[in-house]
Amino acid sequence: MPRIILRTLLKMLLVTLGVFVAGVAGLALWAGSEIASPERRGLQDYHREFLDNPAAHGVGLASFALKDGTPCVMCAPHPGGKPGARGVKVREQLVQRGITLAEPGKITGTLVLAHGRRGRKEDYLLIAERLCAAGFRCLMPDLPAHGDHPAAHAGYGVLETELPARVLTEAAERFGFEPRPAGLLGISMGGSVVVHSAAQADAPWRALVVIASFDSFTAVVEHQTSKLFGGWSGPAWARMAGAVYRMRSGVALTDIQPGRKAASLGMPALIAHGSADRVVPMSAGRRLFDALPAGIEKKWIEIPGADHDNVLITDFPIYAEVAEWMLRHVSAAE
């Protein structure tokens, strides 16, 4: 073969290799950056409808910010008001379960709710409507790098460990209520946040609910990259994305291990997961549950047919389960 042809083929090979390497680097840079700073969602129409007329949902709302600038919303039962349609349904389900409820409008405890990745505090308004109907005041912060939070990077619980307790303390001081009894609820990324918070030595929480979350964030990232690039290359892609994430946030993916934190919990914990979750496999939620100490009261719930995005909107009565758990363990009447 003439040398000129060999040189041409070699150049083509080098160019192709360079394009491939650049593509790999570019995708890893994008993935790591997306993990650190997910695209923020603005207010949705259903958020605005709720915010414009909270009384129609049986609640009152108050917006506030923490000293560090974290935006929050407090959602509380409307004094003397009538629960909204979703709240009425949950109360009926609780009565059917033999639960004795306080009259509508009475507050028996406070819950801090942590949203999922790419979420914002207003995503929990419809959840709060149901929990308010059961007698709880709900506090909802925007997590770092989400909603209107001023921080640029998400820590998936590592950087937000103290945030839920500060939300509770500062809200109680601002609005003049007793901070305890209190409980935590988190979904997906928010589940990791609340597990980290609950594992604090001086944690003020009486009970915990985690929905569609995980024991190890590295395993979730590897699951997603393997789906995109194949099982043989998924872990390598995850490592590259993790290196970018660490450069952006200062947190290693391997540091995000709520399963390890769960092992030290000393409060009742309910873990729920959809059986058809394609984002965070149900096995990850089950491992989180299995990591809980044997000596605490704990409950595992499998939501039949639920995927990650519809885990709260199937026919399964998950809100009644959550409300009953919180009433049993958080309510001041207990």
Protein backbone atom coordinates (compact mmCIF):
# COMPACT_ATOMS: atom_id res chain seq x y z
CA MET A 1 0.00 0.00 0.00
CA PRO A 2 1.51 3.38 -0.97
CA ARG A 3 2.75 5.52 1.92
CA ILE A 4 0.44 8.38 0.98
CA ILE A 5 -2.59 6.13 1.50
CA LEU A 6 -1.25 4.95 4.84
CA ARG A 7 -0.68 8.52 5.96
CA THR A 8 -4.19 9.47 4.87
CA LEU A 9 -5.72 6.53 6.75
CA LEU A 10 -3.65 7.37 9.82
CA LYS A 11 -4.83 10.98 9.74
CA MET A 12 -8.44 9.86 9.38
CA LEU A 13 -8.01 7.49 12.32
CA LEU A 14 -6.47 10.21 14.47
CA VAL A 15 -9.22 12.67 13.54
CA THR A 16 -11.91 10.08 14.33
CA LEU A 17 -10.24 9.26 17.63
CA GLY A 18 -9.98 12.96 18.47
CA VAL A 19 -13.65 13.53 17.69
CA PHE A 20 -14.59 10.52 19.83
CA VAL A 21 -12.47 11.68 22.78
CA ALA A 22 -13.89 15.20 22.48
CA GLY A 23 -17.41 13.77 22.36
CA VAL A 24 -16.81 11.64 25.44
CA ALA A 25 -15.32 14.57 27.31
CA GLY A 26 -18.15 16.84 26.24
CA LEU A 27 -20.83 14.40 27.35
CA ALA A 28 -19.08 13.81 30.69
CA LEU A 29 -18.81 17.57 31.20
CA TRP A 30 -22.51 18.01 30.42
CA ALA A 31 -23.59 15.10 32.67
CA GLY A 32 -21.50 16.23 35.63
CA SER A 33 -22.69 19.80 35.25
CA GLU A 34 -26.30 18.64 35.04
CA ILE A 35 -25.91 16.64 38.25
CA ALA A 36 -24.44 19.67 40.01
CA SER A 37 -26.84 22.27 38.60
CA PRO A 38 -30.01 20.73 37.13
CA GLU A 39 -32.13 22.84 34.83
CA ARG A 40 -34.46 24.86 37.04
CA ARG A 41 -38.21 24.62 36.59
CA GLY A 42 -40.30 27.74 36.75
CA LEU A 43 -43.75 28.03 38.29
CA GLN A 44 -46.37 25.86 36.59
CA ASP A 45 -49.99 26.79 35.95
CA TYR A 46 -51.23 24.52 38.74
CA HIS A 47 -48.79 26.18 41.12
CA ARG A 48 -50.19 29.60 40.26
CA GLU A 49 -53.77 28.41 40.66
CA PHE A 50 -52.99 27.16 44.16
CA LEU A 51 -51.00 30.26 45.13
CA ASP A 52 -53.77 32.56 43.91
CA ASN A 53 -56.50 30.84 45.95
CA PRO A 54 -55.11 28.73 48.81
CA ALA A 55 -58.39 28.94 50.76
CA ALA A 56 -60.03 26.82 48.06
CA HIS A 57 -57.61 24.09 49.11
CA GLY A 58 -58.34 24.54 52.81
CA VAL A 59 -54.99 26.13 53.65
CA GLY A 60 -53.25 29.42 54.29
CA LEU A 61 -49.84 30.22 52.78
CA ALA A 62 -46.92 32.36 53.90
CA SER A 63 -43.70 32.88 51.94
CA PHE A 64 -40.46 33.55 53.81
CA ALA A 65 -36.71 33.18 53.44
CA LEU A 66 -34.10 31.80 55.81
CA LYS A 67 -31.17 33.92 56.95
CA ASP A 68 -29.04 32.30 54.24
CA GLY A 69 -31.56 33.25 51.53
CA THR A 70 -33.28 29.87 51.17
CA PRO A 71 -36.82 30.57 49.87
CA CYS A 72 -39.59 28.72 51.73
CA VAL A 73 -43.36 28.43 51.86
CA MET A 74 -45.39 27.59 54.97
CA CYS A 75 -48.68 25.85 54.27
CA ALA A 76 -51.02 25.45 57.25
CA PRO A 77 -54.63 24.35 57.75
CA HIS A 78 -56.95 27.31 57.29
CA PRO A 79 -58.33 28.23 60.75
CA GLY A 80 -62.01 27.28 60.80
CA GLY A 81 -61.79 26.49 57.13
CA LYS A 82 -62.99 23.54 55.15
CA PRO A 83 -60.42 21.14 53.65
CA GLY A 84 -60.06 21.09 49.88
CA ALA A 85 -61.23 18.14 47.82
CA ARG A 86 -57.92 16.28 48.15
CA GLY A 87 -57.90 16.86 51.88
CA VAL A 88 -61.47 15.62 52.25
CA LYS A 89 -60.55 12.39 50.47
CA VAL A 90 -57.54 11.75 52.72
CA ARG A 91 -59.58 12.43 55.85
CA GLU A 92 -62.21 9.95 54.67
CA GLN A 93 -59.53 7.32 54.05
CA LEU A 94 -58.04 7.92 57.50
CA VAL A 95 -61.43 7.58 59.19
CA GLN A 96 -61.96 4.31 57.31
CA ARG A 97 -58.69 3.14 58.84
CA GLY A 98 -60.03 3.84 62.32
CA ILE A 99 -58.03 7.05 62.85
CA THR A 100 -59.65 9.68 65.08
CA LEU A 101 -58.98 13.07 63.54
CA ALA A 102 -58.92 16.52 65.10
CA GLU A 103 -61.42 19.00 63.75
CA PRO A 104 -60.39 20.67 60.46
CA GLY A 105 -58.06 23.61 61.00
CA LYS A 106 -56.35 22.27 64.13
CA ILE A 107 -52.58 21.78 63.91
CA THR A 108 -51.07 18.81 65.76
CA GLY A 109 -47.50 18.94 64.40
CA THR A 110 -45.13 20.29 61.77
CA LEU A 111 -43.60 18.56 58.75
CA VAL A 112 -40.67 19.68 56.62
CA LEU A 113 -40.99 18.50 53.01
CA ALA A 114 -37.98 18.13 50.68
CA HIS A 115 -38.61 18.02 46.93
CA GLY A 116 -36.86 15.93 44.31
CA ARG A 117 -34.26 16.73 41.68
CA ARG A 118 -35.41 19.39 39.18
CA GLY A 119 -38.28 20.13 41.56
CA ARG A 120 -39.19 23.21 43.56
CA LYS A 121 -41.06 23.92 46.77
CA GLU A 122 -44.36 24.62 44.98
CA ASP A 123 -44.41 21.02 43.71
CA TYR A 124 -45.38 20.07 47.26
CA LEU A 125 -48.43 22.30 47.49
CA LEU A 126 -50.84 19.52 46.52
CA ILE A 127 -49.06 17.15 48.90
CA ALA A 128 -49.26 19.74 51.66
CA GLU A 129 -52.99 20.20 51.03
CA ARG A 130 -53.54 16.57 51.99
CA LEU A 131 -51.23 16.62 55.00
CA CYS A 132 -52.71 19.89 56.25
CA ALA A 133 -56.14 18.25 56.15
CA ALA A 134 -54.76 15.58 58.48
CA GLY A 135 -53.65 18.28 60.94
CA PHE A 136 -50.09 19.23 59.98
CA ARG A 137 -48.34 22.48 59.25
CA CYS A 138 -46.03 21.97 56.25
CA LEU A 139 -42.77 23.82 55.58
CA MET A 140 -41.35 23.61 52.06
CA PRO A 141 -37.93 25.00 51.09
CA ASP A 142 -36.32 25.28 47.69
CA LEU A 143 -33.23 23.08 47.86
CA PRO A 144 -29.87 24.44 46.62
CA ALA A 145 -29.63 24.77 42.81
CA HIS A 146 -33.43 24.39 42.55
CA GLY A 147 -36.37 26.75 42.30
CA ASP A 148 -35.34 30.21 43.46
CA HIS A 149 -32.55 29.11 45.78
CA PRO A 150 -29.47 31.33 45.36
CA ALA A 151 -26.95 28.46 45.60
CA ALA A 152 -25.58 27.14 42.33
CA HIS A 153 -24.85 23.51 43.21
CA ALA A 154 -26.85 20.62 44.68
CA GLY A 155 -25.32 18.41 47.35
CA TYR A 156 -27.98 15.64 47.46
CA GLY A 157 -27.99 15.70 51.25
CA VAL A 158 -24.27 16.18 51.92
CA LEU A 159 -24.43 19.98 51.65
CA GLU A 160 -28.02 20.22 52.92
CA THR A 161 -27.72 18.15 56.11
CA GLU A 162 -28.62 21.02 58.43
CA LEU A 163 -31.12 22.75 56.12
CA PRO A 164 -34.37 21.01 57.23
CA ALA A 165 -33.70 21.75 60.91
CA ARG A 166 -32.94 25.40 60.10
CA VAL A 167 -36.19 25.62 58.14
CA LEU A 168 -38.07 24.34 61.21
CA THR A 169 -36.25 26.57 63.72
CA GLU A 170 -36.40 29.80 61.74
CA ALA A 171 -40.04 29.29 60.72
CA ALA A 172 -41.01 28.67 64.36
CA GLU A 173 -39.24 31.84 65.43
CA ARG A 174 -40.73 33.90 62.63
CA PHE A 175 -44.33 32.72 62.96
CA GLY A 176 -44.43 32.03 66.69
CA PHE A 177 -45.21 28.32 66.95
CA GLU A 178 -43.60 25.48 68.89
CA PRO A 179 -41.15 23.68 66.59
CA ARG A 180 -41.90 20.26 68.03
CA PRO A 181 -43.35 17.75 67.42
CA ALA A 182 -41.98 17.58 63.88
CA GLY A 183 -41.39 15.08 61.10
CA LEU A 184 -39.63 14.85 57.75
CA LEU A 185 -40.76 13.78 54.29
CA GLY A 186 -38.57 13.61 51.18
CA ILE A 187 -38.95 12.34 47.64
CA SER A 188 -36.09 11.10 45.44
CA MET A 189 -33.20 13.56 45.97
CA GLY A 190 -35.22 15.03 48.84
CA GLY A 191 -35.25 11.57 50.40
CA SER A 192 -31.47 11.63 50.60
CA VAL A 193 -31.63 15.13 52.10
CA VAL A 194 -34.04 14.12 54.87
CA VAL A 195 -32.14 10.92 55.71
CA HIS A 196 -28.95 12.97 56.14
CA SER A 197 -30.87 15.43 58.33
CA ALA A 198 -32.51 12.71 60.41
CA ALA A 199 -29.11 11.12 61.12
CA GLN A 200 -27.87 14.24 62.94
CA ALA A 201 -27.15 13.65 66.61
CA ASP A 202 -29.43 16.49 67.74
CA ALA A 203 -32.14 15.89 65.12
CA PRO A 204 -35.54 17.28 66.26
CA TRP A 205 -37.59 14.81 64.23
CA ARG A 206 -40.02 12.23 65.54
CA ALA A 207 -40.53 10.32 62.30
CA LEU A 208 -39.37 10.04 58.71
CA VAL A 209 -41.00 9.23 55.36
CA VAL A 210 -38.88 8.63 52.24
CA ILE A 211 -40.40 8.01 48.82
CA ALA A 212 -38.66 6.83 45.62
CA SER A 213 -35.15 7.42 46.95
CA PHE A 214 -31.89 5.48 47.09
CA ASP A 215 -29.14 4.12 49.30
CA SER A 216 -26.24 5.18 47.06
CA PHE A 217 -26.25 7.98 44.49
CA THR A 218 -23.33 6.40 42.62
CA ALA A 219 -25.47 3.32 41.96
CA VAL A 220 -28.27 5.51 40.56
CA VAL A 221 -25.90 7.38 38.25
CA GLU A 222 -24.36 4.10 37.05
CA HIS A 223 -27.85 2.72 36.43
CA GLN A 224 -28.73 5.71 34.27
CA THR A 225 -25.45 5.78 32.33
CA SER A 226 -25.63 2.02 31.73
CA LYS A 227 -29.07 2.47 30.20
CA LEU A 228 -27.64 5.10 27.84
CA PHE A 229 -24.22 3.64 27.01
CA GLY A 230 -24.43 -0.03 27.92
CA GLY A 231 -23.56 -1.97 31.03
CA TRP A 232 -19.90 -2.35 30.11
CA SER A 233 -19.28 1.40 29.83
CA GLY A 234 -21.85 2.81 32.28
CA PRO A 235 -19.57 2.77 35.35
CA ALA A 236 -16.79 4.51 33.39
CA TRP A 237 -19.19 7.22 32.24
CA ALA A 238 -20.42 7.61 35.80
CA ARG A 239 -16.86 8.08 37.07
CA MET A 240 -16.17 10.77 34.48
CA ALA A 241 -19.43 12.58 35.26
CA GLY A 242 -18.65 12.22 38.96
CA ALA A 243 -15.27 13.88 38.50
CA VAL A 244 -16.95 16.87 36.86
CA TYR A 245 -19.60 16.99 39.59
CA ARG A 246 -16.92 17.00 42.29
CA MET A 247 -15.08 19.79 40.50
CA ARG A 248 -18.30 21.83 40.37
CA SER A 249 -19.74 21.13 43.85
CA GLY A 250 -16.84 19.96 45.98
CA VAL A 251 -18.79 16.76 46.76
CA ALA A 252 -17.82 13.29 45.55
CA LEU A 253 -20.59 11.06 44.25
CA THR A 254 -19.30 8.38 46.58
CA ASP A 255 -19.99 10.69 49.54
CA ILE A 256 -23.73 10.62 48.80
CA GLN A 257 -24.61 7.46 50.74
CA PRO A 258 -27.95 7.81 52.55
CA GLY A 259 -27.85 4.07 53.16
CA ARG A 260 -24.92 4.59 55.53
CA LYS A 261 -26.75 7.41 57.29
CA ALA A 262 -29.91 5.30 57.57
CA ALA A 263 -28.03 2.74 59.64
CA SER A 264 -27.75 5.24 62.50
CA LEU A 265 -31.37 6.42 62.58
CA GLY A 266 -33.25 6.13 65.85
CA MET A 267 -36.76 7.19 64.78
CA PRO A 268 -39.67 5.45 63.02
CA ALA A 269 -39.11 5.39 59.26
CA LEU A 270 -41.43 4.59 56.37
CA ILE A 271 -39.84 3.87 52.98
CA ALA A 272 -42.05 3.68 49.86
CA HIS A 273 -41.09 2.98 46.26
CA GLY A 274 -42.78 2.37 42.93
CA SER A 275 -42.40 -1.16 41.58
CA ALA A 276 -41.85 0.12 38.01
CA ASP A 277 -39.43 2.95 38.79
CA ARG A 278 -37.06 3.36 35.83
CA VAL A 279 -35.11 6.30 37.26
CA VAL A 280 -34.27 4.98 40.73
CA PRO A 281 -34.74 1.20 40.70
CA MET A 282 -36.89 -0.21 43.47
CA SER A 283 -33.89 -2.28 44.56
CA ALA A 284 -32.15 0.97 45.58
CA GLY A 285 -35.10 1.91 47.78
CA ARG A 286 -35.20 -1.56 49.26
CA ARG A 287 -31.51 -1.41 50.13
CA LEU A 288 -32.15 1.90 51.88
CA PHE A 289 -34.91 0.24 53.89
CA ASP A 290 -32.74 -2.77 54.71
CA ALA A 291 -30.04 -0.41 55.99
CA LEU A 292 -32.37 0.89 58.73
CA PRO A 293 -31.59 -0.45 62.23
CA ALA A 294 -33.52 -3.50 63.33
CA GLY A 295 -34.46 -1.84 66.60
CA ILE A 296 -36.61 0.99 65.17
CA GLU A 297 -40.17 0.82 63.93
CA LYS A 298 -40.00 0.74 60.14
CA LYS A 299 -42.31 0.02 57.25
CA TRP A 300 -41.71 -0.83 53.59
CA ILE A 301 -44.37 0.01 50.99
CA GLU A 302 -44.24 -1.12 47.37
CA ILE A 303 -46.52 0.96 45.17
CA PRO A 304 -47.72 -1.38 42.40
CA GLY A 305 -46.96 -0.27 38.84
CA ALA A 306 -45.69 3.17 39.87
CA ASP A 307 -42.83 4.80 37.97
CA HIS A 308 -40.64 7.57 39.37
CA ASP A 309 -42.75 10.45 38.07
CA ASN A 310 -46.19 9.09 38.97
CA VAL A 311 -45.38 7.44 42.30
CA LEU A 312 -47.78 9.80 44.10
CA ILE A 313 -50.62 9.75 41.58
CA THR A 314 -51.61 6.11 41.22
CA ASP A 315 -54.69 4.49 42.77
CA PHE A 316 -52.60 3.34 45.71
CA PRO A 317 -53.57 5.32 48.87
CA ILE A 318 -50.04 6.57 49.55
CA TYR A 319 -51.22 9.84 51.11
CA ALA A 320 -53.33 7.99 53.65
CA GLU A 321 -50.31 5.80 54.46
CA VAL A 322 -48.07 8.84 54.94
CA ALA A 323 -50.65 10.77 56.96
CA GLU A 324 -51.37 7.79 59.22
CA TRP A 325 -47.65 7.27 59.84
CA MET A 326 -47.16 10.92 60.76
CA LEU A 327 -50.27 11.02 62.92
CA ARG A 328 -49.08 7.97 64.85
CA HIS A 329 -45.56 9.23 65.41
CA VAL A 330 -45.51 13.02 65.09
CA SER A 331 -48.91 14.26 66.22
CA ALA A 332 -48.89 16.17 69.53
CA ALA A 333 -51.80 13.99 70.64
CA GLU A 334 -49.50 10.97 70.76
